[in-house]
């Protein structure tokens, strides 16, 4: 980590609240972001996987960023996620986030075509950076092959870092593959390596990881921030991850937020996702309480 740059820390992979008709609930969004920042997060990340980013168009993205900035949350505490298969869509999304002053861009690979080569992915990212030109900065490559089915190899990260120094800032690894995470940390010590699977967060931080962009930071940011600060495993966090993974992840995280807030409106999702069943939401909430009560005992 550079002596002139603060540690990345914890960013909430913000879940996005919707009204029953699918419109974005901007006041609820802004209040939730403020809560995350007040309870251990150093930033919030919008339009990621937990934030249903692929279901949010440019107009919705502009509304979300405007609501956060209007609520007094500065751009340097917002990470803008991208979700695009075409270069033109990726550029439009990136420019919107950069114009809002976002501290970084979270950029997954184009995810429609599968089985593509490192050469093809390198060419796509090179065109993306080239067309952004002088505006290109602070890019966090997003490796989440369980969703994209397009993994970013450790070697590809190295090629992009070498070709675009000062542009590629780091990698968010949501592979859930500890061997891959460990290789990233060993090979790219000059990059910000962020751990997406909270079960590996303590181990990652102990080896030089700078923190996480975390879906569970919507629920227990204080506990995750302490875990990052101390690099000590937290069995309750591990159990919470295992609980969420028994269900479709984004609706399950929303169920946890609904439980924390007592606000059932958080259960709303946009198609093609469907809301979690009421009975499952109740089980998730009760299981959350049991996990943390056992930990406290």
Foldseek 3Di string as FASTA:
>chain_A
DDPVDDFQFEEAQDAFFAFQVRHTPLVVRQVLQVVLVVQAHQAYEALDPLNVNVVAAPVRLLSNLCSNVVSVNAQCRYEYEAADQDLVRRLSSVVSSVVSVHNAYEYEFRQPDAPDDLVVSLVSVVVSDVVCPPSQAHYAYEAACVPRVHGQALVSLVVCCVVDPRRHAYYEDPPPDVVRLVVNLVPCLRHAYAYEQLQCQLVSLVSRHRYHHYNCSSARNNVRSVCNVVSDGDVLSVVLSVLCVVDPNSLLSLLNNCLRVVNPSSQDDDPPDDGDDPVSSVVSSVVNVVSVVVSVD
